[in-house]
PDB file of N, CA and C in Angstrom:
ATOM      1  N   MET A   1       0.892  -1.073   0.220  1.00  0.00           N
ATOM      2  CA  MET A   1      -0.036  -0.276   0.329  1.00  0.00           C
ATOM      3  C   MET A   1       1.024   1.292  -0.242  1.00  0.00           C
ATOM      4  N   ALA A   2       1.108   2.332  -0.778  1.00  0.00           N
ATOM      5  CA  ALA A   2       1.336   3.183  -0.920  1.00  0.00           C
ATOM      6  C   ALA A   2       1.098   4.606   0.219  1.00  0.00           C
ATOM      7  N   PRO A   3       1.907   4.782   0.427  1.00  0.00           N
ATOM      8  CA  PRO A   3       1.573   6.104   2.015  1.00  0.00           C
ATOM      9  C   PRO A   3       1.097   6.642   1.766  1.00  0.00           C
ATOM     10  N   VAL A   4       0.424   7.625   2.488  1.00  0.00           N
ATOM     11  CA  VAL A   4      -1.058   8.797   2.489  1.00  0.00           C
ATOM     12  C   VAL A   4      -0.240   9.649   2.446  1.00  0.00           C
ATOM     13  N   THR A   5      -0.702  10.959   1.990  1.00  0.00           N
ATOM     14  CA  THR A   5       0.063  11.783   2.053  1.00  0.00           C
ATOM     15  C   THR A   5      -1.222  13.162   1.959  1.00  0.00           C
ATOM     16  N   TRP A   6      -1.640  14.193   2.622  1.00  0.00           N
ATOM     17  CA  TRP A   6      -2.784  14.481   3.261  1.00  0.00           C
ATOM     18  C   TRP A   6      -2.175  15.898   2.781  1.00  0.00           C
ATOM     19  N   TRP A   7      -3.274  16.818   2.498  1.00  0.00           N
ATOM     20  CA  TRP A   7      -3.064  17.840   1.953  1.00  0.00           C
ATOM     21  C   TRP A   7      -4.677  18.438   2.150  1.00  0.00           C
ATOM     22  N   ARG A   8      -4.496  20.098   2.458  1.00  0.00           N
ATOM     23  CA  ARG A   8      -5.732  20.428   2.650  1.00  0.00           C
ATOM     24  C   ARG A   8      -5.864  22.056   1.752  1.00  0.00           C
ATOM     25  N   SER A   9      -7.165  22.522   2.119  1.00  0.00           N
ATOM     26  CA  SER A   9      -7.295  23.585   1.346  1.00  0.00           C
ATOM     27  C   SER A   9      -6.649  24.680   1.952  1.00  0.00           C
ATOM     28  N   THR A  10      -5.736  25.251   1.531  1.00  0.00           N
ATOM     29  CA  THR A  10      -5.342  26.608   2.630  1.00  0.00           C
ATOM     30  C   THR A  10      -6.159  27.797   2.646  1.00  0.00           C
ATOM     31  N   THR A  11      -7.464  27.674   2.031  1.00  0.00           N
ATOM     32  CA  THR A  11      -8.410  28.776   2.975  1.00  0.00           C
ATOM     33  C   THR A  11      -9.328  28.155   3.744  1.00  0.00           C
ATOM     34  N   ALA A  12      -8.584  28.995   4.979  1.00  0.00           N
ATOM     35  CA  ALA A  12      -9.638  28.447   6.006  1.00  0.00           C
ATOM     36  C   ALA A  12     -10.933  29.091   6.789  1.00  0.00           C
ATOM     37  N   THR A  13     -11.075  29.858   5.616  1.00  0.00           N
ATOM     38  CA  THR A  13     -12.536  30.259   5.949  1.00  0.00           C
ATOM     39  C   THR A  13     -13.286  29.330   5.437  1.00  0.00           C
ATOM     40  N   ARG A  14     -14.586  29.033   6.255  1.00  0.00           N
ATOM     41  CA  ARG A  14     -15.224  28.155   6.116  1.00  0.00           C
ATOM     42  C   ARG A  14     -16.918  29.422   5.802  1.00  0.00           C
ATOM     43  N   ASN A  15     -17.694  28.230   4.686  1.00  0.00           N
ATOM     44  CA  ASN A  15     -19.251  28.540   4.221  1.00  0.00           C
ATOM     45  C   ASN A  15     -19.403  29.786   3.345  1.00  0.00           C
ATOM     46  N   ARG A  16     -18.541  29.850   2.390  1.00  0.00           N
ATOM     47  CA  ARG A  16     -18.185  31.221   1.645  1.00  0.00           C
ATOM     48  C   ARG A  16     -19.544  31.641   1.357  1.00  0.00           C
ATOM     49  N   ALA A  17     -20.635  30.842   1.256  1.00  0.00           N
ATOM     50  CA  ALA A  17     -21.849  31.105   0.593  1.00  0.00           C
ATOM     51  C   ALA A  17     -22.291  31.855   1.837  1.00  0.00           C
ATOM     52  N   ALA A  18     -22.368  31.893   3.012  1.00  0.00           N
ATOM     53  CA  ALA A  18     -23.157  33.004   3.352  1.00  0.00           C
ATOM     54  C   ALA A  18     -24.329  32.271   4.343  1.00  0.00           C
ATOM     55  N   SER A  19     -23.854  30.853   3.980  1.00  0.00           N
ATOM     56  CA  SER A  19     -26.119  30.545   4.685  1.00  0.00           C
ATOM     57  C   SER A  19     -25.121  29.538   6.014  1.00  0.00           C
ATOM     58  N   PRO A  20     -25.562  30.165   7.032  1.00  0.00           N
ATOM     59  CA  PRO A  20     -24.902  29.447   8.662  1.00  0.00           C
ATOM     60  C   PRO A  20     -25.727  28.247   8.102  1.00  0.00           C
ATOM     61  N   PRO A  21     -25.116  26.709   9.224  1.00  0.00           N
ATOM     62  CA  PRO A  21     -25.227  25.901   9.004  1.00  0.00           C
ATOM     63  C   PRO A  21     -26.808  25.536   9.859  1.00  0.00           C
ATOM     64  N   PRO A  22     -27.081  26.045  10.790  1.00  0.00           N
ATOM     65  CA  PRO A  22     -28.493  26.415  10.980  1.00  0.00           C
ATOM     66  C   PRO A  22     -29.559  26.593  10.523  1.00  0.00           C
ATOM     67  N   SER A  23     -28.966  26.819   9.421  1.00  0.00           N
ATOM     68  CA  SER A  23     -30.187  27.539   8.712  1.00  0.00           C
ATOM     69  C   SER A  23     -30.021  26.384   7.324  1.00  0.00           C
ATOM     70  N   TRP A  24     -29.670  24.843   6.804  1.00  0.00           N
ATOM     71  CA  TRP A  24     -29.358  24.172   6.356  1.00  0.00           C
ATOM     72  C   TRP A  24     -30.711  23.758   6.744  1.00  0.00           C
ATOM     73  N   ALA A  25     -31.209  22.901   5.619  1.00  0.00           N
ATOM     74  CA  ALA A  25     -32.837  22.163   5.702  1.00  0.00           C
ATOM     75  C   ALA A  25     -32.135  19.995   4.722  1.00  0.00           C
ATOM     76  N   PRO A  26     -32.334  19.170   5.858  1.00  0.00           N
ATOM     77  CA  PRO A  26     -32.107  18.299   5.696  1.00  0.00           C
ATOM     78  C   PRO A  26     -31.921  17.618   4.015  1.00  0.00           C
ATOM     79  N   GLY A  27     -30.754  16.917   3.902  1.00  0.00           N
ATOM     80  CA  GLY A  27     -30.556  16.961   2.419  1.00  0.00           C
ATOM     81  C   GLY A  27     -30.497  18.127   1.035  1.00  0.00           C
ATOM     82  N   GLN A  28     -30.279  19.222   1.754  1.00  0.00           N
ATOM     83  CA  GLN A  28     -29.869  20.512   1.292  1.00  0.00           C
ATOM     84  C   GLN A  28     -28.744  20.508   0.710  1.00  0.00           C
ATOM     85  N   LEU A  29     -27.960  20.689  -0.993  1.00  0.00           N
ATOM     86  CA  LEU A  29     -26.882  20.912  -1.101  1.00  0.00           C
ATOM     87  C   LEU A  29     -26.652  22.499  -0.895  1.00  0.00           C
ATOM     88  N   ILE A  30     -25.172  22.236  -0.129  1.00  0.00           N
ATOM     89  CA  ILE A  30     -24.717  23.425   0.299  1.00  0.00           C
ATOM     90  C   ILE A  30     -23.091  23.380  -0.350  1.00  0.00           C
ATOM     91  N   TYR A  31     -23.466  24.476  -1.290  1.00  0.00           N
ATOM     92  CA  TYR A  31     -21.890  24.486  -2.146  1.00  0.00           C
ATOM     93  C   TYR A  31     -20.982  26.065  -1.331  1.00  0.00           C
ATOM     94  N   ASP A  32     -19.701  24.980  -1.319  1.00  0.00           N
ATOM     95  CA  ASP A  32     -18.270  26.259  -0.447  1.00  0.00           C
ATOM     96  C   ASP A  32     -17.002  24.833  -1.282  1.00  0.00           C
ATOM     97  N   TYR A  33     -16.665  26.260  -2.115  1.00  0.00           N
ATOM     98  CA  TYR A  33     -15.165  25.764  -2.713  1.00  0.00           C
ATOM     99  C   TYR A  33     -14.148  26.623  -2.175  1.00  0.00           C
ATOM    100  N   HIS A  34     -13.335  25.707  -1.802  1.00  0.00           N
ATOM    101  CA  HIS A  34     -11.402  25.084  -0.986  1.00  0.00           C
ATOM    102  C   HIS A  34     -10.659  25.263  -2.232  1.00  0.00           C
ATOM    103  N   PRO A  35      -9.587  25.731  -3.020  1.00  0.00           N
ATOM    104  CA  PRO A  35      -9.012  25.331  -3.691  1.00  0.00           C
ATOM    105  C   PRO A  35      -7.765  24.874  -2.871  1.00  0.00           C
ATOM    106  N   ILE A  36      -7.181  23.693  -3.185  1.00  0.00           N
ATOM    107  CA  ILE A  36      -6.048  22.997  -3.140  1.00  0.00           C
ATOM    108  C   ILE A  36      -4.474  23.214  -3.792  1.00  0.00           C
ATOM    109  N   ALA A  37      -3.947  23.200  -3.272  1.00  0.00           N
ATOM    110  CA  ALA A  37      -2.187  24.135  -3.801  1.00  0.00           C
ATOM    111  C   ALA A  37      -1.478  22.352  -4.077  1.00  0.00           C
ATOM    112  N   LEU A  38      -1.465  21.889  -5.266  1.00  0.00           N
ATOM    113  CA  LEU A  38      -0.757  20.067  -5.180  1.00  0.00           C
ATOM    114  C   LEU A  38       0.484  20.417  -5.265  1.00  0.00           C
ATOM    115  N   GLY A  39       1.162  21.513  -5.666  1.00  0.00           N
ATOM    116  CA  GLY A  39       2.346  21.752  -6.132  1.00  0.00           C
ATOM    117  C   GLY A  39       2.502  21.163  -7.120  1.00  0.00           C
ATOM    118  N   ALA A  40       3.853  21.765  -8.297  1.00  0.00           N
ATOM    119  CA  ALA A  40       4.104  21.290  -8.892  1.00  0.00           C
ATOM    120  C   ALA A  40       5.037  19.363  -9.040  1.00  0.00           C
ATOM    121  N   ALA A  41       5.474  19.321  -8.625  1.00  0.00           N
ATOM    122  CA  ALA A  41       5.997  17.958  -8.313  1.00  0.00           C
ATOM    123  C   ALA A  41       5.658  16.808  -7.891  1.00  0.00           C
ATOM    124  N   LEU A  42       3.797  16.802  -7.559  1.00  0.00           N
ATOM    125  CA  LEU A  42       2.966  15.861  -8.138  1.00  0.00           C
ATOM    126  C   LEU A  42       2.917  15.236  -9.136  1.00  0.00           C
ATOM    127  N   PRO A  43       2.924  14.229  -8.742  1.00  0.00           N
ATOM    128  CA  PRO A  43       2.870  13.340 -10.260  1.00  0.00           C
ATOM    129  C   PRO A  43       1.711  13.308 -10.752  1.00  0.00           C
ATOM    130  N   ALA A  44       1.739  12.744 -11.989  1.00  0.00           N
ATOM    131  CA  ALA A  44       0.312  12.560 -12.509  1.00  0.00           C
ATOM    132  C   ALA A  44      -0.279  11.268 -12.031  1.00  0.00           C
ATOM    133  N   GLY A  45      -1.513  11.047 -11.874  1.00  0.00           N
ATOM    134  CA  GLY A  45      -1.965   9.468 -11.592  1.00  0.00           C
ATOM    135  C   GLY A  45      -3.022   9.798 -11.097  1.00  0.00           C
ATOM    136  N   ALA A  46      -4.145   8.694 -10.861  1.00  0.00           N
ATOM    137  CA  ALA A  46      -5.375   8.951  -9.759  1.00  0.00           C
ATOM    138  C   ALA A  46      -4.722   8.950  -8.030  1.00  0.00           C
ATOM    139  N   TYR A  47      -5.715   9.895  -8.393  1.00  0.00           N
ATOM    140  CA  TYR A  47      -5.553  10.192  -6.150  1.00  0.00           C
ATOM    141  C   TYR A  47      -6.947  10.238  -6.015  1.00  0.00           C
ATOM    142  N   GLN A  48      -7.582   9.975  -4.175  1.00  0.00           N
ATOM    143  CA  GLN A  48      -8.455   9.906  -3.584  1.00  0.00           C
ATOM    144  C   GLN A  48      -8.116  10.969  -3.217  1.00  0.00           C
ATOM    145  N   LEU A  49      -9.728  11.253  -3.580  1.00  0.00           N
ATOM    146  CA  LEU A  49     -10.033  12.607  -1.898  1.00  0.00           C
ATOM    147  C   LEU A  49     -11.015  12.207  -1.261  1.00  0.00           C
ATOM    148  N   VAL A  50     -10.752  12.813  -0.718  1.00  0.00           N
ATOM    149  CA  VAL A  50     -11.484  12.596   0.938  1.00  0.00           C
ATOM    150  C   VAL A  50     -11.923  14.198   1.948  1.00  0.00           C
ATOM    151  N   LEU A  51     -13.054  13.920   2.197  1.00  0.00           N
ATOM    152  CA  LEU A  51     -13.199  15.323   2.961  1.00  0.00           C
ATOM    153  C   LEU A  51     -13.216  14.841   4.220  1.00  0.00           C
ATOM    154  N   ARG A  52     -12.618  15.777   5.214  1.00  0.00           N
ATOM    155  CA  ARG A  52     -11.897  15.932   6.568  1.00  0.00           C
ATOM    156  C   ARG A  52     -12.286  16.830   7.129  1.00  0.00           C
ATOM    157  N   VAL A  53     -13.888  17.197   8.267  1.00  0.00           N
ATOM    158  CA  VAL A  53     -14.625  18.372   8.621  1.00  0.00           C
ATOM    159  C   VAL A  53     -13.967  18.194  10.566  1.00  0.00           C
ATOM    160  N   TYR A  54     -13.308  19.519  10.695  1.00  0.00           N
ATOM    161  CA  TYR A  54     -12.893  19.776  11.945  1.00  0.00           C
ATOM    162  C   TYR A  54     -14.291  21.006  12.732  1.00  0.00           C
ATOM    163  N   ASN A  55     -14.282  20.926  13.544  1.00  0.00           N
ATOM    164  CA  ASN A  55     -14.816  21.582  14.730  1.00  0.00           C
ATOM    165  C   ASN A  55     -14.196  22.475  14.611  1.00  0.00           C
ATOM    166  N   ALA A  56     -15.470  23.623  14.502  1.00  0.00           N
ATOM    167  CA  ALA A  56     -14.976  25.136  14.685  1.00  0.00           C
ATOM    168  C   ALA A  56     -14.299  25.584  15.787  1.00  0.00           C
ATOM    169  N   GLY A  57     -15.189  25.121  16.743  1.00  0.00           N
ATOM    170  CA  GLY A  57     -14.344  25.744  18.219  1.00  0.00           C
ATOM    171  C   GLY A  57     -13.389  24.794  18.648  1.00  0.00           C
ATOM    172  N   ASP A  58     -12.997  23.887  18.610  1.00  0.00           N
ATOM    173  CA  ASP A  58     -11.891  23.435  19.428  1.00  0.00           C
ATOM    174  C   ASP A  58     -10.689  22.687  18.436  1.00  0.00           C
ATOM    175  N   GLY A  59     -11.189  22.616  16.774  1.00  0.00           N
ATOM    176  CA  GLY A  59     -10.183  22.025  16.376  1.00  0.00           C
ATOM    177  C   GLY A  59     -10.154  20.846  15.914  1.00  0.00           C
ATOM    178  N   SER A  60     -10.720  19.761  16.646  1.00  0.00           N
ATOM    179  CA  SER A  60     -11.210  18.736  16.662  1.00  0.00           C
ATOM    180  C   SER A  60     -11.643  18.055  15.585  1.00  0.00           C
ATOM    181  N   ILE A  61     -11.036  16.887  14.987  1.00  0.00           N
ATOM    182  CA  ILE A  61     -11.753  16.419  13.663  1.00  0.00           C
ATOM    183  C   ILE A  61     -13.355  15.617  14.009  1.00  0.00           C
ATOM    184  N   LEU A  62     -13.934  15.970  13.402  1.00  0.00           N
ATOM    185  CA  LEU A  62     -15.342  15.420  13.641  1.00  0.00           C
ATOM    186  C   LEU A  62     -15.692  14.326  12.682  1.00  0.00           C
ATOM    187  N   LEU A  63     -16.648  12.712  13.478  1.00  0.00           N
ATOM    188  CA  LEU A  63     -15.821  11.423  12.895  1.00  0.00           C
ATOM    189  C   LEU A  63     -17.411  11.350  12.426  1.00  0.00           C
ATOM    190  N   THR A  64     -16.685  10.680  11.297  1.00  0.00           N
ATOM    191  CA  THR A  64     -18.316  10.269  10.605  1.00  0.00           C
ATOM    192  C   THR A  64     -19.281   9.819  11.279  1.00  0.00           C
ATOM    193  N   THR A  65     -20.508   9.202  10.494  1.00  0.00           N
ATOM    194  CA  THR A  65     -21.598   8.413  11.300  1.00  0.00           C
ATOM    195  C   THR A  65     -20.603   7.047  11.859  1.00  0.00           C
ATOM    196  N   SER A  66     -20.122   6.188  10.461  1.00  0.00           N
ATOM    197  CA  SER A  66     -19.199   4.907  10.818  1.00  0.00           C
ATOM    198  C   SER A  66     -17.948   5.287  11.392  1.00  0.00           C
ATOM    199  N   GLY A  67     -17.798   6.183  11.859  1.00  0.00           N
ATOM    200  CA  GLY A  67     -16.813   6.559  13.443  1.00  0.00           C
ATOM    201  C   GLY A  67     -15.266   6.651  12.860  1.00  0.00           C
ATOM    202  N   GLU A  68     -15.232   7.025  11.342  1.00  0.00           N
ATOM    203  CA  GLU A  68     -14.133   7.164  10.542  1.00  0.00           C
ATOM    204  C   GLU A  68     -13.739   8.449  10.544  1.00  0.00           C
ATOM    205  N   ASP A  69     -12.453   9.370  10.254  1.00  0.00           N
ATOM    206  CA  ASP A  69     -11.611  10.468  10.705  1.00  0.00           C
ATOM    207  C   ASP A  69     -12.235  11.190   9.538  1.00  0.00           C
ATOM    208  N   HIS A  70     -12.748  10.595   8.220  1.00  0.00           N
ATOM    209  CA  HIS A  70     -12.553  10.832   6.934  1.00  0.00           C
ATOM    210  C   HIS A  70     -13.861  10.372   5.969  1.00  0.00           C
ATOM    211  N   TYR A  71     -14.103  11.351   5.087  1.00  0.00           N
ATOM    212  CA  TYR A  71     -15.021  10.792   4.191  1.00  0.00           C
ATOM    213  C   TYR A  71     -14.462  10.618   2.950  1.00  0.00           C
ATOM    214  N   PRO A  72     -14.661   9.140   2.107  1.00  0.00           N
ATOM    215  CA  PRO A  72     -13.821   9.305   0.431  1.00  0.00           C
ATOM    216  C   PRO A  72     -15.205  10.068  -0.439  1.00  0.00           C
ATOM    217  N   VAL A  73     -14.638  11.146  -1.050  1.00  0.00           N
ATOM    218  CA  VAL A  73     -15.341  11.593  -2.112  1.00  0.00           C
ATOM    219  C   VAL A  73     -15.352  11.333  -3.018  1.00  0.00           C
ATOM    220  N   GLY A  74     -14.026  10.229  -3.400  1.00  0.00           N
ATOM    221  CA  GLY A  74     -13.650   9.736  -4.874  1.00  0.00           C
ATOM    222  C   GLY A  74     -12.429  10.038  -5.916  1.00  0.00           C
ATOM    223  N   LEU A  75     -12.493   9.406  -6.363  1.00  0.00           N
ATOM    224  CA  LEU A  75     -11.302   9.401  -7.168  1.00  0.00           C
ATOM    225  C   LEU A  75     -10.900  10.434  -8.363  1.00  0.00           C
ATOM    226  N   VAL A  76      -9.545  10.941  -8.311  1.00  0.00           N
ATOM    227  CA  VAL A  76      -9.604  12.481  -9.382  1.00  0.00           C
ATOM    228  C   VAL A  76      -8.710  11.910 -10.180  1.00  0.00           C
ATOM    229  N   GLN A  77      -8.043  12.223 -11.571  1.00  0.00           N
ATOM    230  CA  GLN A  77      -6.984  12.085 -12.215  1.00  0.00           C
ATOM    231  C   GLN A  77      -6.557  13.296 -12.455  1.00  0.00           C
ATOM    232  N   LEU A  78      -5.391  13.272 -11.794  1.00  0.00           N
ATOM    233  CA  LEU A  78      -4.333  13.997 -12.147  1.00  0.00           C
ATOM    234  C   LEU A  78      -3.772  14.102 -13.590  1.00  0.00           C
ATOM    235  N   GLN A  79      -3.223  14.909 -14.677  1.00  0.00           N
ATOM    236  CA  GLN A  79      -3.288  15.078 -16.079  1.00  0.00           C
ATOM    237  C   GLN A  79      -1.440  15.671 -16.109  1.00  0.00           C
ATOM    238  N   PRO A  80      -0.706  15.030 -16.735  1.00  0.00           N
ATOM    239  CA  PRO A  80       0.469  15.730 -16.226  1.00  0.00           C
ATOM    240  C   PRO A  80       0.449  17.624 -17.160  1.00  0.00           C
ATOM    241  N   ALA A  81       1.170  18.396 -16.785  1.00  0.00           N
ATOM    242  CA  ALA A  81       0.823  19.744 -17.405  1.00  0.00           C
ATOM    243  C   ALA A  81       1.431  19.956 -18.488  1.00  0.00           C
ATOM    244  N   GLU A  82       1.017  20.651 -19.232  1.00  0.00           N
ATOM    245  CA  GLU A  82       1.225  20.669 -20.596  1.00  0.00           C
ATOM    246  C   GLU A  82       2.426  21.102 -20.791  1.00  0.00           C
ATOM    247  N   GLY A  83       2.920  20.614 -21.835  1.00  0.00           N
ATOM    248  CA  GLY A  83       4.844  20.354 -22.354  1.00  0.00           C
ATOM    249  C   GLY A  83       5.534  19.704 -21.719  1.00  0.00           C
ATOM    250  N   GLU A  84       4.661  18.523 -20.912  1.00  0.00           N
ATOM    251  CA  GLU A  84       5.702  17.776 -19.961  1.00  0.00           C
ATOM    252  C   GLU A  84       5.145  16.193 -21.477  1.00  0.00           C
TER     253      GLU A  84
END
């Protein structure tokens, strides 16, 4: 198994859509964009994208309903940069 490397969004601001969580309805989709700087040295290939959520008050990691510390979103395929 390959070693795990974590990258995180460099934008610590939350919920730029300006709708506070108490106003969310069950099943409502909330779009909140967080760019992730991966660096030019990252090789092309398939990568597992996961979501990890932190408690805004104390910074602790919130667990999923199954007790995991992250949620697998899906695979992303990185292509080589143009000219490589």
